[in-house]
Amino acid sequence: MAEEKQLTHQESLELITQMLQNAKGHFHTSGTSAILWGSVVGFAGIMSFLQRMFNFSIGFDVWLVVLIAIVPQFVISARESRNRRVLTYEESWLNAVWMVYGFSVFALLIYLQVVPTISVKMFAAEGKTLLIRNNSTKEVTAYYPFTLSASSLYLILYSLPTLTTGIASRFKPMIIGGILCYVFFIISLFTPFVYDVLMNGLAGIFSWLIPGLILRRKCLKAKMANV
């Protein structure tokens, strides 16, 4: 009876170990989420920079691709949840961090789009109009308010899930990427907007795309080793 009890205990440990091995396919550890966000932010930042530097337009606000990326993020989350039998405590709160990050990006985009328009309407309702004068020509025109250095706010936001994931997972590429976000943020305070959007793109590449590709390579090697 004692031997049978010991065997059952061993089988339980082996089952738990196997389940934990299967859990390694989660999109945080596999790099899928990081690759997704790194690609869209990197593309949006660099394309936005090129449009302003070479004075051309693609016909829509390229940063809207960040909103579109939220959809596959939820699809990935749902798919991985169905395929997983175990979710560790660390992974569960990392899920929450990235989900909140997605909502926060969405909220900031809405803020930057809505607040200037609403502000103009509020001033108009009070019988007020914002004006700006050109000191050279003395011409006075209507002033449309906007958030100064809005790209700097994104850089702060990018660092939160990056550093959190890097520190929790002890993954140096993401820790470095998160620190770079703060470095780019400080630089962006002293540079024109055209270079701010470039730093946003670079932040996406160094914080997520490159670390995500590294994680993906490790994940594929682990899967091949377990075959």
C-alpha atoms as a PDB file:
ATOM      1  CA  MET A   1       0.000   0.000   0.000  1.00  0.00           C
ATOM      2  CA  ALA A   2       2.844   2.381   0.866  1.00  0.00           C
ATOM      3  CA  GLU A   3       4.516   1.636  -2.474  1.00  0.00           C
ATOM      4  CA  GLU A   4       1.239   2.259  -4.344  1.00  0.00           C
ATOM      5  CA  LYS A   5       0.769   5.568  -2.489  1.00  0.00           C
ATOM      6  CA  GLN A   6       4.326   6.673  -3.377  1.00  0.00           C
ATOM      7  CA  LEU A   7       3.728   5.774  -7.035  1.00  0.00           C
ATOM      8  CA  THR A   8       0.530   7.807  -7.158  1.00  0.00           C
ATOM      9  CA  HIS A   9       2.332  10.794  -5.645  1.00  0.00           C
ATOM     10  CA  GLN A  10       5.093  10.485  -8.254  1.00  0.00           C
ATOM     11  CA  GLU A  11       2.555  10.310 -11.045  1.00  0.00           C
ATOM     12  CA  SER A  12       0.911  13.456  -9.720  1.00  0.00           C
ATOM     13  CA  LEU A  13       4.231  15.300  -9.752  1.00  0.00           C
ATOM     14  CA  GLU A  14       4.896  14.148 -13.303  1.00  0.00           C
ATOM     15  CA  LEU A  15       1.436  15.312 -14.388  1.00  0.00           C
ATOM     16  CA  ILE A  16       1.942  18.734 -12.819  1.00  0.00           C
ATOM     17  CA  THR A  17       5.363  19.012 -14.442  1.00  0.00           C
ATOM     18  CA  GLN A  18       3.919  18.124 -17.836  1.00  0.00           C
ATOM     19  CA  MET A  19       1.141  20.679 -17.448  1.00  0.00           C
ATOM     20  CA  LEU A  20       3.650  23.364 -16.545  1.00  0.00           C
ATOM     21  CA  GLN A  21       5.726  22.438 -19.606  1.00  0.00           C
ATOM     22  CA  ASN A  22       2.626  22.812 -21.772  1.00  0.00           C
ATOM     23  CA  ALA A  23       1.999  26.201 -20.198  1.00  0.00           C
ATOM     24  CA  LYS A  24       5.195  27.597 -21.740  1.00  0.00           C
ATOM     25  CA  GLY A  25       3.316  28.412 -24.932  1.00  0.00           C
ATOM     26  CA  HIS A  26       1.671  31.457 -23.360  1.00  0.00           C
ATOM     27  CA  PHE A  27       1.920  34.583 -25.492  1.00  0.00           C
ATOM     28  CA  HIS A  28       4.001  36.465 -22.899  1.00  0.00           C
ATOM     29  CA  THR A  29       6.705  33.822 -22.715  1.00  0.00           C
ATOM     30  CA  SER A  30       6.465  32.901 -26.403  1.00  0.00           C
ATOM     31  CA  GLY A  31       6.917  36.516 -27.493  1.00  0.00           C
ATOM     32  CA  THR A  32       3.747  36.684 -29.603  1.00  0.00           C
ATOM     33  CA  SER A  33       2.305  39.693 -27.801  1.00  0.00           C
ATOM     34  CA  ALA A  34       5.634  41.539 -27.796  1.00  0.00           C
ATOM     35  CA  ILE A  35       6.110  40.934 -31.522  1.00  0.00           C
ATOM     36  CA  LEU A  36       2.590  42.185 -32.216  1.00  0.00           C
ATOM     37  CA  TRP A  37       2.967  45.453 -30.296  1.00  0.00           C
ATOM     38  CA  GLY A  38       6.557  45.991 -31.403  1.00  0.00           C
ATOM     39  CA  SER A  39       5.580  45.641 -35.056  1.00  0.00           C
ATOM     40  CA  VAL A  40       2.611  48.018 -35.006  1.00  0.00           C
ATOM     41  CA  VAL A  41       4.258  50.688 -32.834  1.00  0.00           C
ATOM     42  CA  GLY A  42       7.536  50.452 -34.733  1.00  0.00           C
ATOM     43  CA  PHE A  43       5.750  50.735 -38.077  1.00  0.00           C
ATOM     44  CA  ALA A  44       3.513  53.601 -36.933  1.00  0.00           C
ATOM     45  CA  GLY A  45       6.388  55.593 -35.449  1.00  0.00           C
ATOM     46  CA  ILE A  46       8.761  55.229 -38.393  1.00  0.00           C
ATOM     47  CA  MET A  47       6.022  55.811 -40.989  1.00  0.00           C
ATOM     48  CA  SER A  48       4.833  58.903 -39.138  1.00  0.00           C
ATOM     49  CA  PHE A  49       8.412  60.203 -39.069  1.00  0.00           C
ATOM     50  CA  LEU A  50       8.891  59.587 -42.800  1.00  0.00           C
ATOM     51  CA  GLN A  51       5.622  61.331 -43.671  1.00  0.00           C
ATOM     52  CA  ARG A  52       6.673  64.475 -41.830  1.00  0.00           C
ATOM     53  CA  MET A  53      10.284  64.444 -43.013  1.00  0.00           C
ATOM     54  CA  PHE A  54       9.447  63.934 -46.711  1.00  0.00           C
ATOM     55  CA  ASN A  55       6.060  65.677 -46.702  1.00  0.00           C
ATOM     56  CA  PHE A  56       3.736  62.923 -47.953  1.00  0.00           C
ATOM     57  CA  SER A  57       0.583  61.277 -46.628  1.00  0.00           C
ATOM     58  CA  ILE A  58      -0.810  57.743 -46.698  1.00  0.00           C
ATOM     59  CA  GLY A  59      -4.369  59.057 -46.342  1.00  0.00           C
ATOM     60  CA  PHE A  60      -5.113  58.191 -42.717  1.00  0.00           C
ATOM     61  CA  ASP A  61      -3.675  58.526 -39.231  1.00  0.00           C
ATOM     62  CA  VAL A  62      -1.103  55.732 -39.142  1.00  0.00           C
ATOM     63  CA  TRP A  63      -1.364  55.502 -35.346  1.00  0.00           C
ATOM     64  CA  LEU A  64      -4.819  53.986 -35.752  1.00  0.00           C
ATOM     65  CA  VAL A  65      -3.044  50.675 -36.423  1.00  0.00           C
ATOM     66  CA  VAL A  66      -2.374  50.594 -32.666  1.00  0.00           C
ATOM     67  CA  LEU A  67      -6.135  50.431 -32.105  1.00  0.00           C
ATOM     68  CA  ILE A  68      -6.441  47.653 -34.658  1.00  0.00           C
ATOM     69  CA  ALA A  69      -3.752  45.670 -32.820  1.00  0.00           C
ATOM     70  CA  ILE A  70      -5.970  45.455 -29.748  1.00  0.00           C
ATOM     71  CA  VAL A  71      -8.283  43.068 -31.651  1.00  0.00           C
ATOM     72  CA  PRO A  72      -5.665  40.354 -32.374  1.00  0.00           C
ATOM     73  CA  GLN A  73      -4.388  40.836 -28.809  1.00  0.00           C
ATOM     74  CA  PHE A  74      -7.738  39.661 -27.460  1.00  0.00           C
ATOM     75  CA  VAL A  75      -7.894  36.857 -30.048  1.00  0.00           C
ATOM     76  CA  ILE A  76      -4.437  35.635 -28.988  1.00  0.00           C
ATOM     77  CA  SER A  77      -5.436  35.801 -25.330  1.00  0.00           C
ATOM     78  CA  ALA A  78      -8.637  33.823 -25.911  1.00  0.00           C
ATOM     79  CA  ARG A  79      -6.885  31.196 -28.053  1.00  0.00           C
ATOM     80  CA  GLU A  80      -4.050  30.682 -25.588  1.00  0.00           C
ATOM     81  CA  SER A  81      -6.519  30.462 -22.703  1.00  0.00           C
ATOM     82  CA  ARG A  82      -8.391  27.639 -24.456  1.00  0.00           C
ATOM     83  CA  ASN A  83      -5.187  25.721 -25.164  1.00  0.00           C
ATOM     84  CA  ARG A  84      -3.757  26.113 -21.662  1.00  0.00           C
ATOM     85  CA  ARG A  85      -4.575  23.912 -18.705  1.00  0.00           C
ATOM     86  CA  VAL A  86      -2.423  25.808 -16.195  1.00  0.00           C
ATOM     87  CA  LEU A  87      -2.026  29.530 -15.573  1.00  0.00           C
ATOM     88  CA  THR A  88       0.598  30.501 -13.034  1.00  0.00           C
ATOM     89  CA  TYR A  89       0.088  33.416 -10.657  1.00  0.00           C
ATOM     90  CA  GLU A  90       2.864  35.392 -12.386  1.00  0.00           C
ATOM     91  CA  GLU A  91       1.322  34.878 -15.805  1.00  0.00           C
ATOM     92  CA  SER A  92      -2.162  35.808 -14.628  1.00  0.00           C
ATOM     93  CA  TRP A  93      -1.112  39.233 -13.393  1.00  0.00           C
ATOM     94  CA  LEU A  94       1.117  39.769 -16.419  1.00  0.00           C
ATOM     95  CA  ASN A  95      -2.019  39.152 -18.475  1.00  0.00           C
ATOM     96  CA  ALA A  96      -3.719  41.877 -16.488  1.00  0.00           C
ATOM     97  CA  VAL A  97      -0.801  44.280 -16.960  1.00  0.00           C
ATOM     98  CA  TRP A  98      -0.832  43.921 -20.752  1.00  0.00           C
ATOM     99  CA  MET A  99      -4.619  44.108 -20.916  1.00  0.00           C
ATOM    100  CA  VAL A 100      -4.659  47.312 -18.861  1.00  0.00           C
ATOM    101  CA  TYR A 101      -1.883  48.658 -21.080  1.00  0.00           C
ATOM    102  CA  GLY A 102      -4.053  48.036 -24.141  1.00  0.00           C
ATOM    103  CA  PHE A 103      -6.982  49.866 -22.581  1.00  0.00           C
ATOM    104  CA  SER A 104      -4.680  52.719 -21.536  1.00  0.00           C
ATOM    105  CA  VAL A 105      -3.317  53.187 -25.077  1.00  0.00           C
ATOM    106  CA  PHE A 106      -6.894  53.239 -26.346  1.00  0.00           C
ATOM    107  CA  ALA A 107      -7.905  55.789 -23.700  1.00  0.00           C
ATOM    108  CA  LEU A 108      -4.919  58.047 -24.464  1.00  0.00           C
ATOM    109  CA  LEU A 109      -5.684  57.957 -28.203  1.00  0.00           C
ATOM    110  CA  ILE A 110      -9.274  58.978 -27.513  1.00  0.00           C
ATOM    111  CA  TYR A 111      -8.107  61.752 -25.184  1.00  0.00           C
ATOM    112  CA  LEU A 112      -5.769  63.219 -27.799  1.00  0.00           C
ATOM    113  CA  GLN A 113      -8.473  63.096 -30.470  1.00  0.00           C
ATOM    114  CA  VAL A 114     -11.475  64.266 -28.456  1.00  0.00           C
ATOM    115  CA  VAL A 115     -10.216  66.872 -25.962  1.00  0.00           C
ATOM    116  CA  PRO A 116      -8.996  69.493 -28.514  1.00  0.00           C
ATOM    117  CA  THR A 117     -12.308  69.378 -30.418  1.00  0.00           C
ATOM    118  CA  ILE A 118     -14.399  69.523 -27.252  1.00  0.00           C
ATOM    119  CA  SER A 119     -12.266  72.394 -25.919  1.00  0.00           C
ATOM    120  CA  VAL A 120     -12.966  74.488 -29.025  1.00  0.00           C
ATOM    121  CA  LYS A 121     -16.703  73.858 -28.674  1.00  0.00           C
ATOM    122  CA  MET A 122     -16.633  74.773 -24.985  1.00  0.00           C
ATOM    123  CA  PHE A 123     -14.816  78.038 -25.715  1.00  0.00           C
ATOM    124  CA  ALA A 124     -17.289  78.800 -28.517  1.00  0.00           C
ATOM    125  CA  ALA A 125     -20.233  78.172 -26.187  1.00  0.00           C
ATOM    126  CA  GLU A 126     -18.782  80.799 -23.867  1.00  0.00           C
ATOM    127  CA  GLY A 127     -18.345  83.237 -26.743  1.00  0.00           C
ATOM    128  CA  LYS A 128     -14.564  82.801 -26.793  1.00  0.00           C
ATOM    129  CA  THR A 129     -12.175  82.052 -29.648  1.00  0.00           C
ATOM    130  CA  LEU A 130      -8.511  81.137 -29.306  1.00  0.00           C
ATOM    131  CA  LEU A 131      -6.284  83.207 -31.589  1.00  0.00           C
ATOM    132  CA  ILE A 132      -2.627  83.067 -32.514  1.00  0.00           C
ATOM    133  CA  ARG A 133      -0.557  85.866 -34.066  1.00  0.00           C
ATOM    134  CA  ASN A 134       2.377  85.468 -36.408  1.00  0.00           C
ATOM    135  CA  ASN A 135       5.025  87.900 -35.131  1.00  0.00           C
ATOM    136  CA  SER A 136       6.597  88.177 -38.565  1.00  0.00           C
ATOM    137  CA  THR A 137       3.492  88.890 -40.643  1.00  0.00           C
ATOM    138  CA  LYS A 138       1.280  90.143 -37.799  1.00  0.00           C
ATOM    139  CA  GLU A 139      -1.419  87.834 -39.164  1.00  0.00           C
ATOM    140  CA  VAL A 140      -3.950  86.612 -36.601  1.00  0.00           C
ATOM    141  CA  THR A 141      -5.632  83.244 -37.144  1.00  0.00           C
ATOM    142  CA  ALA A 142      -7.767  80.845 -35.155  1.00  0.00           C
ATOM    143  CA  TYR A 143      -5.789  78.574 -32.864  1.00  0.00           C
ATOM    144  CA  TYR A 144      -6.702  74.907 -32.587  1.00  0.00           C
ATOM    145  CA  PRO A 145      -5.514  73.532 -29.228  1.00  0.00           C
ATOM    146  CA  PHE A 146      -3.522  70.332 -29.009  1.00  0.00           C
ATOM    147  CA  THR A 147      -1.503  68.388 -26.465  1.00  0.00           C
ATOM    148  CA  LEU A 148       2.132  69.431 -26.548  1.00  0.00           C
ATOM    149  CA  SER A 149       4.649  66.574 -26.923  1.00  0.00           C
ATOM    150  CA  ALA A 150       1.920  63.914 -26.917  1.00  0.00           C
ATOM    151  CA  SER A 151       4.426  61.312 -28.099  1.00  0.00           C
ATOM    152  CA  SER A 152       6.323  61.722 -24.838  1.00  0.00           C
ATOM    153  CA  LEU A 153       3.247  60.470 -22.971  1.00  0.00           C
ATOM    154  CA  TYR A 154       3.246  57.307 -25.060  1.00  0.00           C
ATOM    155  CA  LEU A 155       6.885  56.645 -24.198  1.00  0.00           C
ATOM    156  CA  ILE A 156       6.028  56.680 -20.495  1.00  0.00           C
ATOM    157  CA  LEU A 157       3.128  54.323 -21.142  1.00  0.00           C
ATOM    158  CA  TYR A 158       5.288  51.923 -23.180  1.00  0.00           C
ATOM    159  CA  SER A 159       7.736  51.488 -20.317  1.00  0.00           C
ATOM    160  CA  LEU A 160       5.147  50.181 -17.841  1.00  0.00           C
ATOM    161  CA  PRO A 161       4.318  46.722 -19.295  1.00  0.00           C
ATOM    162  CA  THR A 162       7.848  46.366 -20.664  1.00  0.00           C
ATOM    163  CA  LEU A 163       9.692  46.864 -17.373  1.00  0.00           C
ATOM    164  CA  THR A 164       7.065  44.921 -15.443  1.00  0.00           C
ATOM    165  CA  THR A 165       7.367  41.899 -17.728  1.00  0.00           C
ATOM    166  CA  GLY A 166      11.158  42.162 -17.894  1.00  0.00           C
ATOM    167  CA  ILE A 167      11.615  42.379 -14.126  1.00  0.00           C
ATOM    168  CA  ALA A 168       9.044  39.691 -13.334  1.00  0.00           C
ATOM    169  CA  SER A 169      10.504  37.318 -15.926  1.00  0.00           C
ATOM    170  CA  ARG A 170      14.123  38.381 -15.277  1.00  0.00           C
ATOM    171  CA  PHE A 171      14.431  38.969 -19.013  1.00  0.00           C
ATOM    172  CA  LYS A 172      17.192  41.518 -19.673  1.00  0.00           C
ATOM    173  CA  PRO A 173      16.196  42.550 -23.236  1.00  0.00           C
ATOM    174  CA  MET A 174      12.852  43.838 -21.956  1.00  0.00           C
ATOM    175  CA  ILE A 175      14.430  45.498 -18.935  1.00  0.00           C
ATOM    176  CA  ILE A 176      16.810  47.320 -21.285  1.00  0.00           C
ATOM    177  CA  GLY A 177      13.880  48.178 -23.567  1.00  0.00           C
ATOM    178  CA  GLY A 178      11.901  49.621 -20.669  1.00  0.00           C
ATOM    179  CA  ILE A 179      14.840  51.743 -19.580  1.00  0.00           C
ATOM    180  CA  LEU A 180      15.294  52.951 -23.169  1.00  0.00           C
ATOM    181  CA  CYS A 181      11.678  54.145 -23.135  1.00  0.00           C
ATOM    182  CA  TYR A 182      12.544  56.499 -20.273  1.00  0.00           C
ATOM    183  CA  VAL A 183      15.721  57.599 -22.062  1.00  0.00           C
ATOM    184  CA  PHE A 184      13.717  58.357 -25.225  1.00  0.00           C
ATOM    185  CA  PHE A 185      11.154  60.177 -23.063  1.00  0.00           C
ATOM    186  CA  ILE A 186      13.795  62.519 -21.631  1.00  0.00           C
ATOM    187  CA  ILE A 187      15.249  63.179 -25.105  1.00  0.00           C
ATOM    188  CA  SER A 188      11.768  63.843 -26.522  1.00  0.00           C
ATOM    189  CA  LEU A 189      11.308  66.755 -24.106  1.00  0.00           C
ATOM    190  CA  PHE A 190      13.968  68.686 -26.029  1.00  0.00           C
ATOM    191  CA  THR A 191      13.309  67.621 -29.624  1.00  0.00           C
ATOM    192  CA  PRO A 192      10.735  68.615 -32.286  1.00  0.00           C
ATOM    193  CA  PHE A 193       7.648  66.451 -32.732  1.00  0.00           C
ATOM    194  CA  VAL A 194       8.985  64.841 -35.911  1.00  0.00           C
ATOM    195  CA  TYR A 195      11.784  63.199 -33.922  1.00  0.00           C
ATOM    196  CA  ASP A 196       9.438  62.330 -31.060  1.00  0.00           C
ATOM    197  CA  VAL A 197       7.419  60.002 -33.285  1.00  0.00           C
ATOM    198  CA  LEU A 198      10.649  58.425 -34.542  1.00  0.00           C
ATOM    199  CA  MET A 199      11.633  57.655 -30.942  1.00  0.00           C
ATOM    200  CA  ASN A 200       8.195  56.115 -30.422  1.00  0.00           C
ATOM    201  CA  GLY A 201       8.890  53.757 -33.301  1.00  0.00           C
ATOM    202  CA  LEU A 202      12.359  52.923 -32.003  1.00  0.00           C
ATOM    203  CA  ALA A 203      10.925  52.316 -28.525  1.00  0.00           C
ATOM    204  CA  GLY A 204       8.502  49.769 -29.977  1.00  0.00           C
ATOM    205  CA  ILE A 205      11.303  47.986 -31.823  1.00  0.00           C
ATOM    206  CA  PHE A 206      13.777  47.851 -28.929  1.00  0.00           C
ATOM    207  CA  SER A 207      11.202  47.256 -26.176  1.00  0.00           C
ATOM    208  CA  TRP A 208       8.998  44.635 -27.814  1.00  0.00           C
ATOM    209  CA  LEU A 209       9.883  43.535 -31.321  1.00  0.00           C
ATOM    210  CA  ILE A 210      13.489  42.501 -30.667  1.00  0.00           C
ATOM    211  CA  PRO A 211      12.799  40.946 -27.222  1.00  0.00           C
ATOM    212  CA  GLY A 212       9.732  39.240 -28.706  1.00  0.00           C
ATOM    213  CA  LEU A 213      11.776  37.654 -31.483  1.00  0.00           C
ATOM    214  CA  ILE A 214      14.305  36.458 -28.899  1.00  0.00           C
ATOM    215  CA  LEU A 215      11.511  34.959 -26.767  1.00  0.00           C
ATOM    216  CA  ARG A 216       9.957  33.350 -29.832  1.00  0.00           C
ATOM    217  CA  ARG A 217      13.249  31.693 -30.772  1.00  0.00           C
ATOM    218  CA  LYS A 218      13.681  30.351 -27.235  1.00  0.00           C
ATOM    219  CA  CYS A 219      10.104  29.080 -27.202  1.00  0.00           C
ATOM    220  CA  LEU A 220      10.538  27.204 -30.492  1.00  0.00           C
ATOM    221  CA  LYS A 221      13.779  25.640 -29.256  1.00  0.00           C
ATOM    222  CA  ALA A 222      12.035  24.507 -26.060  1.00  0.00           C
ATOM    223  CA  LYS A 223       9.187  22.951 -28.056  1.00  0.00           C
ATOM    224  CA  MET A 224      11.606  21.099 -30.311  1.00  0.00           C
ATOM    225  CA  ALA A 225      13.518  19.829 -27.281  1.00  0.00           C
ATOM    226  CA  ASN A 226      10.287  18.483 -25.762  1.00  0.00           C
ATOM    227  CA  VAL A 227       9.231  16.667 -28.933  1.00  0.00           C
END
